[in-house]
């Protein structure tokens, strides 16, 4: 990352303390930590969607044909 691509943000001290707990190594930057958290959140969302689709298919097998329009928000 170049210096021209860096910005300053203000974080509560409690947020900084929480971010420190996610450090994988001593010199890891907060940018790296935040990007890792964002990536993990995306993977968790993809996994949730995968599990939901698998459950939906199984429920269709168990319940037979029916209206499943509300399943996405269950």
N, C-alpha and C. Protein backbone atom coordinates (compact mmCIF):
# COMPACT_ATOMS: atom_id res chain seq x y z
N UNK A 1 0.86 -1.17 0.00
CA UNK A 1 0.00 0.00 0.00
C UNK A 1 0.90 1.23 0.00
N UNK A 2 0.61 2.16 -0.86
CA UNK A 2 1.40 3.38 -0.95
C UNK A 2 0.91 4.42 0.04
N UNK A 3 1.77 5.34 0.37
CA UNK A 3 1.40 6.42 1.30
C UNK A 3 0.23 7.24 0.76
N UNK A 4 0.14 7.42 -0.55
CA UNK A 4 -0.95 8.22 -1.11
C UNK A 4 -2.30 7.53 -0.95
N UNK A 5 -2.29 6.21 -0.70
CA UNK A 5 -3.53 5.47 -0.53
C UNK A 5 -3.92 5.27 0.92
N UNK A 6 -3.30 6.01 1.81
CA UNK A 6 -3.57 5.85 3.24
C UNK A 6 -4.38 7.03 3.75
N UNK A 7 -5.34 6.73 4.62
CA UNK A 7 -6.15 7.77 5.24
C UNK A 7 -6.14 7.55 6.75
N UNK A 8 -6.59 8.52 7.47
CA UNK A 8 -6.67 8.44 8.93
C UNK A 8 -8.13 8.33 9.33
N UNK A 9 -8.41 7.40 10.24
CA UNK A 9 -9.75 7.27 10.79
C UNK A 9 -9.66 7.34 12.30
N UNK A 10 -10.73 7.77 12.93
CA UNK A 10 -10.77 7.82 14.38
C UNK A 10 -11.54 6.61 14.89
N UNK A 11 -10.97 5.93 15.86
CA UNK A 11 -11.60 4.77 16.47
C UNK A 11 -11.64 4.97 17.98
N UNK A 12 -12.70 4.49 18.60
CA UNK A 12 -12.74 4.50 20.06
C UNK A 12 -11.62 3.61 20.58
N UNK A 13 -11.10 3.96 21.73
CA UNK A 13 -10.02 3.18 22.36
C UNK A 13 -10.45 1.73 22.53
N UNK A 14 -11.72 1.49 22.83
CA UNK A 14 -12.19 0.12 23.01
C UNK A 14 -12.12 -0.68 21.71
N UNK A 15 -12.33 0.01 20.57
CA UNK A 15 -12.23 -0.66 19.27
C UNK A 15 -10.77 -1.03 18.99
N UNK A 16 -9.86 -0.12 19.28
CA UNK A 16 -8.43 -0.39 19.09
C UNK A 16 -8.02 -1.57 19.97
N UNK A 17 -8.47 -1.58 21.21
CA UNK A 17 -8.15 -2.70 22.11
C UNK A 17 -8.69 -4.02 21.57
N UNK A 18 -9.90 -3.98 21.02
CA UNK A 18 -10.49 -5.19 20.45
C UNK A 18 -9.71 -5.64 19.22
N UNK A 19 -9.29 -4.71 18.38
CA UNK A 19 -8.51 -5.05 17.19
C UNK A 19 -7.17 -5.68 17.57
N UNK A 20 -6.57 -5.20 18.63
CA UNK A 20 -5.29 -5.76 19.09
C UNK A 20 -5.40 -7.25 19.39
N UNK A 21 -6.55 -7.68 19.86
CA UNK A 21 -6.76 -9.10 20.19
C UNK A 21 -6.79 -9.98 18.95
N UNK A 22 -7.02 -9.38 17.78
CA UNK A 22 -7.06 -10.13 16.53
C UNK A 22 -5.71 -10.23 15.84
N UNK A 23 -4.70 -9.58 16.39
CA UNK A 23 -3.38 -9.60 15.77
C UNK A 23 -2.84 -11.03 15.72
N UNK A 24 -2.38 -11.42 14.52
CA UNK A 24 -1.80 -12.75 14.34
C UNK A 24 -0.29 -12.71 14.57
N UNK A 25 0.31 -11.55 14.38
CA UNK A 25 1.72 -11.35 14.65
C UNK A 25 1.93 -9.91 15.09
N UNK A 26 3.05 -9.67 15.76
CA UNK A 26 3.28 -8.41 16.45
C UNK A 26 3.20 -7.18 15.55
N UNK A 27 3.73 -7.25 14.35
CA UNK A 27 3.80 -6.06 13.49
C UNK A 27 2.65 -5.99 12.49
N UNK A 28 1.63 -6.80 12.68
CA UNK A 28 0.46 -6.75 11.79
C UNK A 28 -0.24 -5.39 11.94
N UNK A 29 -0.57 -4.77 10.83
CA UNK A 29 -1.20 -3.45 10.87
C UNK A 29 -2.70 -3.58 11.11
N UNK A 30 -3.29 -2.48 11.55
CA UNK A 30 -4.74 -2.48 11.73
C UNK A 30 -5.45 -2.65 10.39
N UNK A 31 -4.87 -2.14 9.33
CA UNK A 31 -5.45 -2.34 8.00
C UNK A 31 -5.52 -3.83 7.66
N UNK A 32 -4.44 -4.54 7.94
CA UNK A 32 -4.42 -5.98 7.68
C UNK A 32 -5.46 -6.71 8.53
N UNK A 33 -5.57 -6.31 9.78
CA UNK A 33 -6.55 -6.95 10.68
C UNK A 33 -7.97 -6.71 10.17
N UNK A 34 -8.27 -5.47 9.80
CA UNK A 34 -9.62 -5.13 9.33
C UNK A 34 -9.94 -5.84 8.03
N UNK A 35 -8.98 -5.89 7.11
CA UNK A 35 -9.20 -6.61 5.85
C UNK A 35 -9.46 -8.10 6.10
N UNK A 36 -8.72 -8.67 7.03
CA UNK A 36 -8.91 -10.08 7.39
C UNK A 36 -10.31 -10.30 7.97
N UNK A 37 -10.76 -9.39 8.83
CA UNK A 37 -12.10 -9.50 9.40
C UNK A 37 -13.18 -9.39 8.31
N UNK A 38 -12.98 -8.47 7.36
CA UNK A 38 -13.93 -8.30 6.26
C UNK A 38 -13.98 -9.57 5.42
N UNK A 39 -12.81 -10.12 5.11
CA UNK A 39 -12.75 -11.36 4.31
C UNK A 39 -13.46 -12.50 5.04
N UNK A 40 -13.19 -12.64 6.34
CA UNK A 40 -13.83 -13.70 7.12
C UNK A 40 -15.34 -13.51 7.18
N UNK A 41 -15.79 -12.27 7.28
CA UNK A 41 -17.24 -12.01 7.31
C UNK A 41 -17.87 -12.43 5.99
N UNK A 42 -17.20 -12.16 4.88
CA UNK A 42 -17.70 -12.58 3.58
C UNK A 42 -17.77 -14.09 3.46
N UNK A 43 -16.74 -14.78 3.95
CA UNK A 43 -16.72 -16.24 3.91
C UNK A 43 -17.82 -16.81 4.80
N UNK A 44 -18.05 -16.19 5.96
CA UNK A 44 -19.11 -16.65 6.85
C UNK A 44 -20.47 -16.49 6.20
N UNK A 45 -20.65 -15.38 5.49
CA UNK A 45 -21.91 -15.14 4.80
C UNK A 45 -22.13 -16.17 3.69
N UNK A 46 -21.07 -16.48 2.94
CA UNK A 46 -21.15 -17.49 1.88
C UNK A 46 -21.48 -18.85 2.48
N UNK A 47 -20.86 -19.18 3.63
CA UNK A 47 -21.12 -20.45 4.28
C UNK A 47 -22.57 -20.53 4.76
N UNK A 48 -23.06 -19.43 5.33
CA UNK A 48 -24.45 -19.39 5.79
C UNK A 48 -25.41 -19.63 4.64
N UNK A 49 -25.13 -19.01 3.49
CA UNK A 49 -25.97 -19.20 2.30
C UNK A 49 -25.92 -20.66 1.85
N UNK A 50 -24.73 -21.26 1.84
CA UNK A 50 -24.57 -22.66 1.46
C UNK A 50 -25.38 -23.57 2.37
N UNK A 51 -25.26 -23.37 3.68
CA UNK A 51 -25.99 -24.19 4.65
C UNK A 51 -27.49 -24.00 4.50
N UNK A 52 -27.91 -22.77 4.30
CA UNK A 52 -29.34 -22.47 4.14
C UNK A 52 -29.91 -23.19 2.92
N UNK A 53 -29.18 -23.18 1.82
CA UNK A 53 -29.64 -23.86 0.60
C UNK A 53 -29.72 -25.37 0.84
N UNK A 54 -28.74 -25.93 1.53
CA UNK A 54 -28.75 -27.36 1.83
C UNK A 54 -29.94 -27.71 2.72
N UNK A 55 -30.21 -26.88 3.71
CA UNK A 55 -31.34 -27.11 4.60
C UNK A 55 -32.66 -27.00 3.84
N UNK A 56 -32.72 -26.03 2.95
CA UNK A 56 -33.94 -25.83 2.16
C UNK A 56 -34.23 -27.08 1.31
N UNK A 57 -33.21 -27.63 0.68
CA UNK A 57 -33.40 -28.84 -0.13
C UNK A 57 -33.87 -30.00 0.74
N UNK A 58 -33.29 -30.14 1.92
CA UNK A 58 -33.67 -31.23 2.82
C UNK A 58 -35.11 -31.05 3.31
N UNK A 59 -35.50 -29.82 3.61
CA UNK A 59 -36.87 -29.56 4.05
C UNK A 59 -37.87 -29.87 2.94
N UNK A 60 -37.50 -29.57 1.71
CA UNK A 60 -38.38 -29.90 0.59
C UNK A 60 -38.56 -31.42 0.49
N UNK A 61 -37.47 -32.16 0.72
CA UNK A 61 -37.55 -33.62 0.71
C UNK A 61 -38.48 -34.11 1.81
N UNK A 62 -38.34 -33.54 2.99
CA UNK A 62 -39.13 -33.99 4.14
C UNK A 62 -40.59 -33.54 4.07
N UNK A 63 -40.82 -32.32 3.62
CA UNK A 63 -42.17 -31.76 3.63
C UNK A 63 -42.92 -31.96 2.33
N UNK A 64 -42.23 -32.39 1.29
CA UNK A 64 -42.88 -32.51 0.00
C UNK A 64 -42.99 -31.15 -0.66
N UNK A 65 -43.76 -31.08 -1.70
CA UNK A 65 -43.92 -29.81 -2.41
C UNK A 65 -44.78 -28.86 -1.59
N UNK A 66 -44.47 -27.59 -1.63
CA UNK A 66 -45.23 -26.60 -0.88
C UNK A 66 -44.69 -25.21 -1.14
N UNK A 67 -45.20 -24.27 -0.41
CA UNK A 67 -44.77 -22.88 -0.57
C UNK A 67 -43.60 -22.62 0.36
N UNK A 68 -42.42 -22.33 -0.20
CA UNK A 68 -41.22 -22.07 0.57
C UNK A 68 -40.76 -20.63 0.42
N UNK A 69 -41.68 -19.76 0.05
CA UNK A 69 -41.29 -18.37 -0.25
C UNK A 69 -40.72 -17.64 0.97
N UNK A 70 -41.09 -18.06 2.16
CA UNK A 70 -40.59 -17.40 3.36
C UNK A 70 -39.30 -17.99 3.89
N UNK A 71 -38.80 -19.02 3.24
CA UNK A 71 -37.61 -19.72 3.76
C UNK A 71 -36.39 -18.82 3.83
N UNK A 72 -36.22 -17.94 2.84
CA UNK A 72 -35.02 -17.10 2.81
C UNK A 72 -34.91 -16.22 4.04
N UNK A 73 -36.01 -15.84 4.62
CA UNK A 73 -35.95 -14.96 5.79
C UNK A 73 -36.09 -15.70 7.11
N UNK A 74 -36.11 -17.03 7.05
CA UNK A 74 -36.24 -17.83 8.28
C UNK A 74 -34.97 -17.81 9.09
